[in-house]
N, C-alpha and C. Protein backbone atom coordinates (compact mmCIF):
# COMPACT_ATOMS: atom_id res chain seq x y z
N UNK A 1 114.56 -54.99 28.45
CA UNK A 1 114.39 -55.85 29.61
C UNK A 1 114.68 -57.29 29.18
N UNK A 2 115.46 -58.04 29.95
CA UNK A 2 115.78 -59.42 29.57
C UNK A 2 114.54 -60.30 29.56
N UNK A 3 114.60 -61.32 28.78
CA UNK A 3 113.50 -62.27 28.71
C UNK A 3 113.99 -63.60 29.25
N UNK A 4 113.08 -64.39 29.80
CA UNK A 4 113.45 -65.71 30.25
C UNK A 4 112.37 -66.68 29.81
N UNK A 5 112.70 -67.95 29.86
CA UNK A 5 111.77 -68.96 29.40
C UNK A 5 110.94 -69.47 30.56
N UNK A 6 109.65 -69.44 30.37
CA UNK A 6 108.71 -69.88 31.38
C UNK A 6 107.40 -70.20 30.68
N UNK A 7 106.39 -70.47 31.44
CA UNK A 7 105.11 -70.78 30.83
C UNK A 7 105.00 -72.27 30.60
N UNK A 8 104.30 -72.62 29.55
CA UNK A 8 104.10 -74.06 29.31
C UNK A 8 105.33 -74.68 28.68
N UNK A 9 105.50 -75.99 28.84
CA UNK A 9 106.67 -76.66 28.26
C UNK A 9 106.68 -76.54 26.74
N UNK A 10 107.86 -76.46 26.21
CA UNK A 10 108.04 -76.40 24.77
C UNK A 10 108.64 -77.72 24.31
N UNK A 11 107.94 -78.39 23.43
CA UNK A 11 108.41 -79.67 22.90
C UNK A 11 109.18 -79.40 21.61
N UNK A 12 110.41 -79.87 21.56
CA UNK A 12 111.24 -79.72 20.37
C UNK A 12 111.75 -81.08 19.93
N UNK A 13 112.17 -81.15 18.69
CA UNK A 13 112.81 -82.34 18.16
C UNK A 13 114.30 -82.05 18.06
N UNK A 14 115.11 -83.01 18.47
CA UNK A 14 116.57 -82.86 18.38
C UNK A 14 117.10 -83.99 17.51
N UNK A 15 117.81 -83.61 16.45
CA UNK A 15 118.36 -84.59 15.51
C UNK A 15 119.84 -84.31 15.31
N UNK A 16 120.59 -85.37 15.18
CA UNK A 16 122.02 -85.25 14.84
C UNK A 16 122.19 -85.69 13.40
N UNK A 17 122.92 -84.87 12.65
CA UNK A 17 123.14 -85.20 11.25
C UNK A 17 124.40 -84.51 10.75
N UNK A 18 125.27 -85.27 10.14
CA UNK A 18 126.50 -84.74 9.54
C UNK A 18 127.31 -83.88 10.49
N UNK A 19 127.42 -84.31 11.75
CA UNK A 19 128.24 -83.60 12.72
C UNK A 19 127.59 -82.37 13.33
N UNK A 20 126.32 -82.13 13.05
CA UNK A 20 125.60 -80.99 13.61
C UNK A 20 124.36 -81.48 14.34
N UNK A 21 123.86 -80.63 15.22
CA UNK A 21 122.64 -80.92 15.96
C UNK A 21 121.59 -79.92 15.50
N UNK A 22 120.42 -80.42 15.14
CA UNK A 22 119.30 -79.59 14.70
C UNK A 22 118.22 -79.65 15.76
N UNK A 23 117.80 -78.48 16.25
CA UNK A 23 116.67 -78.38 17.18
C UNK A 23 115.52 -77.75 16.41
N UNK A 24 114.37 -78.43 16.41
CA UNK A 24 113.22 -77.96 15.64
C UNK A 24 111.97 -77.90 16.51
N UNK A 25 111.19 -76.88 16.29
CA UNK A 25 109.88 -76.72 16.92
C UNK A 25 108.87 -76.95 15.80
N UNK A 26 108.10 -78.04 15.85
CA UNK A 26 107.25 -78.41 14.72
C UNK A 26 105.99 -77.57 14.52
N UNK A 27 105.53 -76.86 15.55
CA UNK A 27 104.27 -76.13 15.44
C UNK A 27 104.39 -74.92 14.50
N UNK A 28 105.44 -74.10 14.68
CA UNK A 28 105.65 -72.94 13.83
C UNK A 28 106.94 -73.03 13.01
N UNK A 29 107.54 -74.20 12.99
CA UNK A 29 108.70 -74.48 12.12
C UNK A 29 109.89 -73.57 12.39
N UNK A 30 110.25 -73.45 13.66
CA UNK A 30 111.45 -72.70 14.02
C UNK A 30 112.57 -73.70 14.24
N UNK A 31 113.77 -73.37 13.77
CA UNK A 31 114.90 -74.30 13.80
C UNK A 31 116.18 -73.58 14.21
N UNK A 32 117.11 -74.36 14.76
CA UNK A 32 118.44 -73.86 15.07
C UNK A 32 119.43 -75.01 14.96
N UNK A 33 120.68 -74.66 14.68
CA UNK A 33 121.73 -75.65 14.49
C UNK A 33 122.92 -75.30 15.37
N UNK A 34 123.60 -76.32 15.87
CA UNK A 34 124.83 -76.13 16.63
C UNK A 34 125.69 -77.38 16.51
N UNK A 35 126.90 -77.28 16.97
CA UNK A 35 127.80 -78.43 16.94
C UNK A 35 127.50 -79.41 18.07
N UNK A 36 126.89 -78.91 19.16
CA UNK A 36 126.49 -79.75 20.27
C UNK A 36 125.02 -79.48 20.59
N UNK A 37 124.43 -80.34 21.40
CA UNK A 37 123.04 -80.12 21.81
C UNK A 37 122.93 -78.80 22.56
N UNK A 38 123.85 -78.54 23.46
CA UNK A 38 123.81 -77.29 24.24
C UNK A 38 123.90 -76.06 23.33
N UNK A 39 124.79 -76.09 22.34
CA UNK A 39 124.92 -74.96 21.41
C UNK A 39 123.64 -74.78 20.60
N UNK A 40 123.07 -75.88 20.14
CA UNK A 40 121.85 -75.80 19.33
C UNK A 40 120.68 -75.26 20.15
N UNK A 41 120.57 -75.68 21.40
CA UNK A 41 119.49 -75.19 22.26
C UNK A 41 119.69 -73.71 22.57
N UNK A 42 120.90 -73.30 22.84
CA UNK A 42 121.18 -71.88 23.09
C UNK A 42 120.80 -71.04 21.87
N UNK A 43 121.18 -71.50 20.70
CA UNK A 43 120.83 -70.79 19.46
C UNK A 43 119.32 -70.77 19.25
N UNK A 44 118.67 -71.88 19.56
CA UNK A 44 117.22 -71.97 19.42
C UNK A 44 116.53 -70.95 20.33
N UNK A 45 116.99 -70.83 21.56
CA UNK A 45 116.42 -69.83 22.47
C UNK A 45 116.60 -68.42 21.93
N UNK A 46 117.77 -68.14 21.38
CA UNK A 46 118.03 -66.82 20.81
C UNK A 46 117.06 -66.54 19.66
N UNK A 47 116.84 -67.54 18.83
CA UNK A 47 115.93 -67.38 17.70
C UNK A 47 114.50 -67.15 18.19
N UNK A 48 114.08 -67.86 19.22
CA UNK A 48 112.73 -67.65 19.76
C UNK A 48 112.54 -66.23 20.27
N UNK A 49 113.52 -65.73 21.01
CA UNK A 49 113.43 -64.37 21.54
C UNK A 49 113.44 -63.35 20.40
N UNK A 50 114.30 -63.55 19.41
CA UNK A 50 114.33 -62.64 18.25
C UNK A 50 113.00 -62.63 17.53
N UNK A 51 112.43 -63.81 17.34
CA UNK A 51 111.14 -63.91 16.65
C UNK A 51 110.06 -63.20 17.45
N UNK A 52 110.05 -63.39 18.76
CA UNK A 52 109.08 -62.72 19.62
C UNK A 52 109.21 -61.20 19.49
N UNK A 53 110.42 -60.71 19.57
CA UNK A 53 110.63 -59.26 19.47
C UNK A 53 110.20 -58.72 18.11
N UNK A 54 110.47 -59.46 17.04
CA UNK A 54 110.05 -59.01 15.72
C UNK A 54 108.53 -58.97 15.60
N UNK A 55 107.87 -59.99 16.15
CA UNK A 55 106.41 -60.03 16.07
C UNK A 55 105.76 -58.97 16.94
N UNK A 56 106.40 -58.63 18.06
CA UNK A 56 105.85 -57.59 18.93
C UNK A 56 105.94 -56.21 18.28
N UNK A 57 106.95 -56.02 17.44
CA UNK A 57 107.09 -54.75 16.73
C UNK A 57 105.94 -54.64 15.74
N UNK A 58 105.17 -53.59 15.84
CA UNK A 58 104.05 -53.34 14.93
C UNK A 58 103.02 -54.47 15.01
N UNK A 59 102.77 -54.93 16.24
CA UNK A 59 101.86 -56.04 16.49
C UNK A 59 100.47 -55.86 15.87
N UNK A 60 99.96 -54.66 15.91
CA UNK A 60 98.60 -54.41 15.42
C UNK A 60 98.43 -54.73 13.94
N UNK A 61 99.51 -54.71 13.18
CA UNK A 61 99.41 -54.95 11.73
C UNK A 61 99.61 -56.43 11.37
N UNK A 62 99.81 -57.29 12.35
CA UNK A 62 100.05 -58.71 12.07
C UNK A 62 98.74 -59.41 11.71
N UNK A 63 98.85 -60.36 10.80
CA UNK A 63 97.70 -61.17 10.41
C UNK A 63 97.41 -62.24 11.44
N UNK A 64 96.33 -63.00 11.24
CA UNK A 64 95.91 -64.00 12.23
C UNK A 64 96.97 -65.06 12.55
N UNK A 65 97.66 -65.56 11.56
CA UNK A 65 98.66 -66.60 11.81
C UNK A 65 99.82 -66.05 12.65
N UNK A 66 100.30 -64.86 12.32
CA UNK A 66 101.40 -64.28 13.08
C UNK A 66 100.95 -63.87 14.48
N UNK A 67 99.70 -63.48 14.64
CA UNK A 67 99.19 -63.18 15.97
C UNK A 67 99.12 -64.45 16.82
N UNK A 68 98.75 -65.58 16.22
CA UNK A 68 98.76 -66.86 16.95
C UNK A 68 100.19 -67.23 17.35
N UNK A 69 101.13 -67.01 16.43
CA UNK A 69 102.52 -67.31 16.74
C UNK A 69 103.02 -66.42 17.88
N UNK A 70 102.65 -65.15 17.85
CA UNK A 70 103.04 -64.23 18.91
C UNK A 70 102.48 -64.68 20.25
N UNK A 71 101.22 -65.04 20.28
CA UNK A 71 100.60 -65.51 21.51
C UNK A 71 101.31 -66.78 22.03
N UNK A 72 101.62 -67.67 21.13
CA UNK A 72 102.35 -68.90 21.45
C UNK A 72 103.71 -68.58 22.06
N UNK A 73 104.46 -67.69 21.42
CA UNK A 73 105.78 -67.33 21.92
C UNK A 73 105.68 -66.63 23.28
N UNK A 74 104.68 -65.81 23.46
CA UNK A 74 104.50 -65.15 24.76
C UNK A 74 104.21 -66.15 25.87
N UNK A 75 103.62 -67.29 25.53
CA UNK A 75 103.34 -68.30 26.55
C UNK A 75 104.61 -69.05 26.94
N UNK A 76 105.65 -68.94 26.12
CA UNK A 76 106.92 -69.64 26.36
C UNK A 76 107.96 -68.69 26.97
N UNK A 77 108.02 -67.47 26.43
CA UNK A 77 109.05 -66.50 26.81
C UNK A 77 108.35 -65.37 27.57
N UNK A 78 108.91 -64.99 28.71
CA UNK A 78 108.31 -63.88 29.45
C UNK A 78 109.38 -62.89 29.85
N UNK A 79 108.95 -61.70 30.14
CA UNK A 79 109.88 -60.65 30.59
C UNK A 79 110.42 -61.03 31.96
N UNK A 80 111.71 -60.85 32.15
CA UNK A 80 112.33 -61.17 33.45
C UNK A 80 112.16 -60.04 34.43
């Protein structure tokens, strides 16, 4: 089932360096890079969804920090 972004706002940092754009989420240290802001944000969204899916797999065996990260990601990404 596709996922879409909703829930509470996600604050990211966007930096340009050496011809690339870096999008960073400071709370759980997730990052993505692209040649443009749009490319970096698209890649960042893909990474968030991938991370959510990985954490949902075998959720019961996750430790407290990863469970907090999963809860955080679920507040940002929801099933469409």
